N, C-alpha and C. Protein backbone atom coordinates (compact mmCIF):
# COMPACT_ATOMS: atom_id res chain seq x y z
N MET A 1 -58.70 -15.88 20.70
CA MET A 1 -57.66 -15.81 19.70
C MET A 1 -57.79 -17.04 18.81
N PRO A 2 -57.98 -16.85 17.52
CA PRO A 2 -58.08 -18.00 16.60
C PRO A 2 -56.84 -18.88 16.67
N HIS A 3 -56.99 -20.07 16.18
CA HIS A 3 -56.03 -21.16 16.33
C HIS A 3 -54.56 -20.74 16.25
N GLU A 4 -54.14 -20.06 15.21
CA GLU A 4 -52.71 -19.78 15.04
C GLU A 4 -52.37 -18.30 15.11
N ASP A 5 -53.27 -17.47 15.59
CA ASP A 5 -52.97 -16.04 15.71
C ASP A 5 -51.85 -15.77 16.70
N TRP A 6 -51.62 -16.68 17.62
CA TRP A 6 -50.57 -16.51 18.62
C TRP A 6 -49.18 -16.64 18.02
N LEU A 7 -49.08 -17.15 16.81
CA LEU A 7 -47.76 -17.33 16.20
C LEU A 7 -47.04 -16.01 15.97
N PHE A 8 -47.79 -14.92 15.80
CA PHE A 8 -47.11 -13.64 15.64
C PHE A 8 -46.39 -13.25 16.93
N ARG A 9 -46.81 -13.78 18.07
CA ARG A 9 -46.09 -13.55 19.33
C ARG A 9 -44.76 -14.29 19.32
N VAL A 10 -44.75 -15.47 18.72
CA VAL A 10 -43.50 -16.21 18.57
C VAL A 10 -42.56 -15.41 17.66
N GLU A 11 -43.10 -14.82 16.61
CA GLU A 11 -42.29 -13.97 15.74
C GLU A 11 -41.73 -12.78 16.51
N ASP A 12 -42.55 -12.18 17.39
CA ASP A 12 -42.06 -11.08 18.23
C ASP A 12 -40.92 -11.55 19.13
N MET A 13 -41.04 -12.76 19.64
CA MET A 13 -39.98 -13.31 20.49
C MET A 13 -38.69 -13.46 19.69
N LEU A 14 -38.80 -13.95 18.47
CA LEU A 14 -37.62 -14.10 17.62
C LEU A 14 -37.02 -12.75 17.27
N THR A 15 -37.85 -11.75 17.05
CA THR A 15 -37.34 -10.40 16.78
C THR A 15 -36.56 -9.88 17.98
N ALA A 16 -37.09 -10.08 19.18
CA ALA A 16 -36.40 -9.62 20.39
C ALA A 16 -35.06 -10.34 20.55
N ILE A 17 -35.04 -11.63 20.29
CA ILE A 17 -33.79 -12.38 20.37
C ILE A 17 -32.78 -11.83 19.36
N GLY A 18 -33.24 -11.58 18.14
CA GLY A 18 -32.35 -11.02 17.11
C GLY A 18 -31.78 -9.68 17.53
N GLN A 19 -32.60 -8.85 18.17
CA GLN A 19 -32.11 -7.55 18.63
C GLN A 19 -31.05 -7.73 19.72
N ILE A 20 -31.31 -8.63 20.66
CA ILE A 20 -30.32 -8.88 21.72
C ILE A 20 -29.01 -9.36 21.10
N GLU A 21 -29.11 -10.26 20.14
CA GLU A 21 -27.90 -10.75 19.46
C GLU A 21 -27.17 -9.62 18.76
N ASP A 22 -27.92 -8.74 18.09
CA ASP A 22 -27.31 -7.60 17.40
C ASP A 22 -26.63 -6.66 18.39
N PHE A 23 -27.30 -6.37 19.50
CA PHE A 23 -26.75 -5.43 20.49
C PHE A 23 -25.47 -5.95 21.14
N THR A 24 -25.33 -7.28 21.23
CA THR A 24 -24.20 -7.85 21.97
C THR A 24 -23.15 -8.51 21.08
N ARG A 25 -23.40 -8.57 19.80
CA ARG A 25 -22.46 -9.24 18.88
C ARG A 25 -21.08 -8.59 18.97
N GLY A 26 -20.06 -9.42 19.15
CA GLY A 26 -18.69 -8.94 19.18
C GLY A 26 -18.29 -8.28 20.49
N LYS A 27 -19.17 -8.28 21.47
CA LYS A 27 -18.87 -7.65 22.75
C LYS A 27 -18.49 -8.70 23.78
N SER A 28 -17.63 -8.31 24.68
CA SER A 28 -17.34 -9.13 25.85
C SER A 28 -18.32 -8.72 26.96
N PHE A 29 -18.33 -9.48 28.04
CA PHE A 29 -19.16 -9.10 29.17
C PHE A 29 -18.75 -7.72 29.69
N GLU A 30 -17.46 -7.46 29.72
CA GLU A 30 -16.97 -6.17 30.21
C GLU A 30 -17.48 -5.03 29.33
N ASP A 31 -17.46 -5.24 28.00
CA ASP A 31 -18.00 -4.22 27.07
C ASP A 31 -19.49 -4.00 27.34
N PHE A 32 -20.19 -5.10 27.49
CA PHE A 32 -21.64 -5.05 27.73
C PHE A 32 -21.97 -4.25 28.98
N GLN A 33 -21.38 -4.61 30.10
CA GLN A 33 -21.73 -3.96 31.36
C GLN A 33 -21.25 -2.52 31.42
N ALA A 34 -20.26 -2.16 30.62
CA ALA A 34 -19.74 -0.80 30.61
C ALA A 34 -20.57 0.14 29.75
N SER A 35 -21.53 -0.40 29.01
CA SER A 35 -22.34 0.42 28.11
C SER A 35 -23.79 0.48 28.59
N PRO A 36 -24.17 1.56 29.29
CA PRO A 36 -25.56 1.66 29.75
C PRO A 36 -26.58 1.60 28.61
N ILE A 37 -26.20 2.12 27.46
CA ILE A 37 -27.12 2.08 26.31
C ILE A 37 -27.38 0.64 25.90
N THR A 38 -26.32 -0.15 25.81
CA THR A 38 -26.47 -1.56 25.43
C THR A 38 -27.24 -2.32 26.49
N VAL A 39 -26.90 -2.10 27.76
CA VAL A 39 -27.61 -2.79 28.84
C VAL A 39 -29.09 -2.47 28.78
N ASN A 40 -29.44 -1.21 28.64
CA ASN A 40 -30.86 -0.83 28.60
C ASN A 40 -31.56 -1.41 27.38
N ALA A 41 -30.89 -1.41 26.24
CA ALA A 41 -31.49 -1.98 25.03
C ALA A 41 -31.74 -3.48 25.20
N VAL A 42 -30.77 -4.17 25.77
CA VAL A 42 -30.90 -5.62 25.99
C VAL A 42 -32.02 -5.91 26.99
N LEU A 43 -32.05 -5.17 28.09
CA LEU A 43 -33.09 -5.40 29.08
C LEU A 43 -34.48 -5.12 28.50
N TYR A 44 -34.60 -4.09 27.70
CA TYR A 44 -35.89 -3.81 27.06
C TYR A 44 -36.29 -4.98 26.15
N SER A 45 -35.34 -5.48 25.38
CA SER A 45 -35.65 -6.59 24.48
C SER A 45 -36.03 -7.84 25.25
N PHE A 46 -35.37 -8.09 26.40
CA PHE A 46 -35.79 -9.21 27.24
C PHE A 46 -37.20 -9.00 27.78
N ALA A 47 -37.54 -7.75 28.11
CA ALA A 47 -38.90 -7.48 28.58
C ALA A 47 -39.92 -7.76 27.48
N VAL A 48 -39.61 -7.36 26.25
CA VAL A 48 -40.49 -7.65 25.12
C VAL A 48 -40.60 -9.16 24.90
N LEU A 49 -39.47 -9.84 24.97
CA LEU A 49 -39.46 -11.29 24.82
C LEU A 49 -40.40 -11.95 25.82
N GLY A 50 -40.32 -11.54 27.07
CA GLY A 50 -41.18 -12.11 28.11
C GLY A 50 -42.63 -11.72 27.95
N GLU A 51 -42.87 -10.50 27.52
CA GLU A 51 -44.25 -10.07 27.32
C GLU A 51 -44.90 -10.85 26.18
N ALA A 52 -44.14 -11.07 25.11
CA ALA A 52 -44.67 -11.87 23.99
C ALA A 52 -44.92 -13.30 24.44
N ALA A 53 -44.01 -13.86 25.22
CA ALA A 53 -44.21 -15.23 25.74
C ALA A 53 -45.45 -15.30 26.61
N ASN A 54 -45.68 -14.27 27.37
CA ASN A 54 -46.85 -14.22 28.25
C ASN A 54 -48.15 -14.19 27.44
N ALA A 55 -48.09 -13.66 26.23
CA ALA A 55 -49.29 -13.54 25.40
C ALA A 55 -49.60 -14.83 24.63
N VAL A 56 -48.68 -15.78 24.63
CA VAL A 56 -48.95 -17.07 24.00
C VAL A 56 -49.94 -17.80 24.90
N PRO A 57 -51.07 -18.23 24.33
CA PRO A 57 -52.06 -18.93 25.17
C PRO A 57 -51.46 -20.16 25.85
N ARG A 58 -51.87 -20.41 27.05
CA ARG A 58 -51.33 -21.53 27.84
C ARG A 58 -51.49 -22.86 27.10
N GLU A 59 -52.61 -23.03 26.39
CA GLU A 59 -52.83 -24.28 25.65
C GLU A 59 -51.78 -24.45 24.55
N ALA A 60 -51.45 -23.35 23.87
CA ALA A 60 -50.45 -23.41 22.81
C ALA A 60 -49.07 -23.67 23.41
N ALA A 61 -48.76 -23.00 24.50
CA ALA A 61 -47.47 -23.20 25.15
C ALA A 61 -47.32 -24.65 25.63
N ALA A 62 -48.39 -25.21 26.13
CA ALA A 62 -48.35 -26.59 26.63
C ALA A 62 -48.01 -27.58 25.51
N LYS A 63 -48.29 -27.24 24.28
CA LYS A 63 -47.96 -28.12 23.15
C LYS A 63 -46.48 -28.04 22.78
N HIS A 64 -45.77 -27.11 23.40
CA HIS A 64 -44.34 -26.91 23.12
C HIS A 64 -43.57 -26.84 24.45
N PRO A 65 -43.53 -27.95 25.17
CA PRO A 65 -42.93 -27.94 26.51
C PRO A 65 -41.41 -27.75 26.52
N SER A 66 -40.77 -27.87 25.37
CA SER A 66 -39.32 -27.67 25.35
C SER A 66 -38.95 -26.20 25.51
N VAL A 67 -39.91 -25.31 25.27
CA VAL A 67 -39.67 -23.87 25.46
C VAL A 67 -39.91 -23.56 26.94
N GLU A 68 -38.99 -22.87 27.55
CA GLU A 68 -39.05 -22.55 28.98
C GLU A 68 -39.94 -21.32 29.20
N TRP A 69 -41.22 -21.46 28.91
CA TRP A 69 -42.17 -20.34 28.97
C TRP A 69 -42.15 -19.66 30.33
N ARG A 70 -42.21 -20.45 31.38
CA ARG A 70 -42.28 -19.89 32.74
C ARG A 70 -41.02 -19.07 33.06
N GLU A 71 -39.86 -19.60 32.70
CA GLU A 71 -38.61 -18.90 32.97
C GLU A 71 -38.50 -17.61 32.17
N ILE A 72 -38.99 -17.63 30.93
CA ILE A 72 -38.96 -16.44 30.09
C ILE A 72 -39.84 -15.35 30.71
N ARG A 73 -41.03 -15.74 31.13
CA ARG A 73 -41.93 -14.78 31.78
C ARG A 73 -41.33 -14.30 33.10
N GLY A 74 -40.68 -15.20 33.82
CA GLY A 74 -40.07 -14.83 35.09
C GLY A 74 -38.95 -13.82 34.93
N MET A 75 -38.15 -13.99 33.89
CA MET A 75 -37.07 -13.03 33.65
C MET A 75 -37.65 -11.67 33.33
N ARG A 76 -38.70 -11.64 32.54
CA ARG A 76 -39.37 -10.37 32.23
C ARG A 76 -39.86 -9.71 33.52
N ASN A 77 -40.47 -10.49 34.39
CA ASN A 77 -41.00 -9.93 35.63
C ASN A 77 -39.87 -9.37 36.51
N THR A 78 -38.76 -10.06 36.55
CA THR A 78 -37.62 -9.56 37.32
C THR A 78 -37.13 -8.24 36.74
N ILE A 79 -36.96 -8.18 35.43
CA ILE A 79 -36.46 -6.97 34.79
C ILE A 79 -37.40 -5.79 35.01
N VAL A 80 -38.69 -6.04 34.89
CA VAL A 80 -39.67 -4.95 34.97
C VAL A 80 -39.99 -4.56 36.41
N HIS A 81 -40.15 -5.55 37.28
CA HIS A 81 -40.64 -5.26 38.63
C HIS A 81 -39.55 -5.25 39.70
N GLU A 82 -38.46 -5.94 39.45
CA GLU A 82 -37.39 -6.02 40.45
C GLU A 82 -36.08 -5.56 39.82
N TYR A 83 -36.18 -4.49 39.04
CA TYR A 83 -35.06 -4.02 38.22
C TYR A 83 -33.77 -3.80 39.02
N ALA A 84 -33.88 -3.42 40.28
CA ALA A 84 -32.68 -3.20 41.08
C ALA A 84 -31.96 -4.51 41.38
N GLY A 85 -32.66 -5.61 41.26
CA GLY A 85 -32.07 -6.91 41.54
C GLY A 85 -31.55 -7.64 40.32
N VAL A 86 -31.61 -7.00 39.16
CA VAL A 86 -31.12 -7.64 37.93
C VAL A 86 -29.61 -7.78 38.01
N ARG A 87 -29.15 -8.99 37.81
CA ARG A 87 -27.71 -9.26 37.81
C ARG A 87 -27.26 -9.38 36.36
N LEU A 88 -26.37 -8.48 35.97
CA LEU A 88 -25.92 -8.48 34.58
C LEU A 88 -25.17 -9.75 34.22
N GLU A 89 -24.54 -10.39 35.20
CA GLU A 89 -23.87 -11.66 34.93
C GLU A 89 -24.88 -12.71 34.50
N THR A 90 -26.05 -12.70 35.13
CA THR A 90 -27.11 -13.65 34.78
C THR A 90 -27.66 -13.34 33.40
N VAL A 91 -27.87 -12.06 33.11
CA VAL A 91 -28.35 -11.65 31.79
C VAL A 91 -27.36 -12.10 30.72
N TRP A 92 -26.08 -11.86 30.96
CA TRP A 92 -25.06 -12.23 29.98
C TRP A 92 -25.01 -13.75 29.78
N ALA A 93 -25.08 -14.49 30.86
CA ALA A 93 -25.08 -15.96 30.75
C ALA A 93 -26.29 -16.44 29.96
N THR A 94 -27.42 -15.80 30.17
CA THR A 94 -28.63 -16.17 29.43
C THR A 94 -28.44 -15.90 27.95
N ILE A 95 -27.84 -14.77 27.62
CA ILE A 95 -27.58 -14.44 26.21
C ILE A 95 -26.68 -15.49 25.59
N GLN A 96 -25.62 -15.83 26.27
CA GLN A 96 -24.62 -16.75 25.72
C GLN A 96 -25.10 -18.19 25.69
N ARG A 97 -25.76 -18.62 26.75
CA ARG A 97 -26.09 -20.04 26.92
C ARG A 97 -27.49 -20.40 26.42
N ASP A 98 -28.47 -19.55 26.69
CA ASP A 98 -29.87 -19.95 26.48
C ASP A 98 -30.51 -19.43 25.19
N LEU A 99 -30.12 -18.23 24.77
CA LEU A 99 -30.82 -17.66 23.61
C LEU A 99 -30.63 -18.45 22.31
N PRO A 100 -29.44 -18.97 22.02
CA PRO A 100 -29.33 -19.74 20.77
C PRO A 100 -30.29 -20.94 20.72
N ALA A 101 -30.40 -21.66 21.83
CA ALA A 101 -31.31 -22.82 21.87
C ALA A 101 -32.77 -22.36 21.80
N LEU A 102 -33.09 -21.26 22.46
CA LEU A 102 -34.46 -20.75 22.40
C LEU A 102 -34.82 -20.34 20.98
N ARG A 103 -33.88 -19.69 20.30
CA ARG A 103 -34.12 -19.31 18.89
C ARG A 103 -34.48 -20.56 18.07
N GLU A 104 -33.72 -21.63 18.23
CA GLU A 104 -33.97 -22.86 17.48
C GLU A 104 -35.36 -23.42 17.78
N LYS A 105 -35.74 -23.43 19.05
CA LYS A 105 -37.04 -23.96 19.44
C LYS A 105 -38.18 -23.13 18.85
N LEU A 106 -38.04 -21.83 18.89
CA LEU A 106 -39.09 -20.95 18.36
C LEU A 106 -39.18 -21.05 16.84
N GLU A 107 -38.04 -21.14 16.18
CA GLU A 107 -38.04 -21.33 14.72
C GLU A 107 -38.70 -22.65 14.36
N HIS A 108 -38.48 -23.68 15.16
CA HIS A 108 -39.12 -24.98 14.93
C HIS A 108 -40.64 -24.85 15.04
N ILE A 109 -41.11 -24.09 16.02
CA ILE A 109 -42.56 -23.89 16.17
C ILE A 109 -43.13 -23.26 14.90
N LEU A 110 -42.47 -22.25 14.38
CA LEU A 110 -42.98 -21.58 13.18
C LEU A 110 -42.92 -22.50 11.97
N ARG A 111 -41.82 -23.26 11.83
CA ARG A 111 -41.73 -24.20 10.70
C ARG A 111 -42.82 -25.26 10.78
N SER A 112 -43.09 -25.74 11.99
CA SER A 112 -44.10 -26.79 12.17
C SER A 112 -45.51 -26.28 11.86
N ALA A 113 -45.72 -24.99 12.07
CA ALA A 113 -47.05 -24.42 11.84
C ALA A 113 -47.30 -24.12 10.37
N SER A 114 -46.24 -24.09 9.57
CA SER A 114 -46.40 -23.75 8.15
C SER A 114 -46.98 -24.90 7.36
């Protein structure tokens, strides 16, 4: 993969984050967990987020240690392979607590590459 071709994976990650934000905007946790359509859409977007993170070359990821690459990939693996063990409380906390900071970090990567 040429030097900066992996940046489109960062863009994919930002798209997935935007979708999760759109799916959950204005909802409470109770609204979220009561809507199977929303839950499935959010889980799919988290799977895409993790898959895109997994496609970022390790050397490129190592240059951006503030991004929790391993945790992002781990969440994807849990959603895809251990789906029965997914805790919606954890998903919701991740949306509320972690995604805004992750968005900022990924946007910084793209700005720095320009």
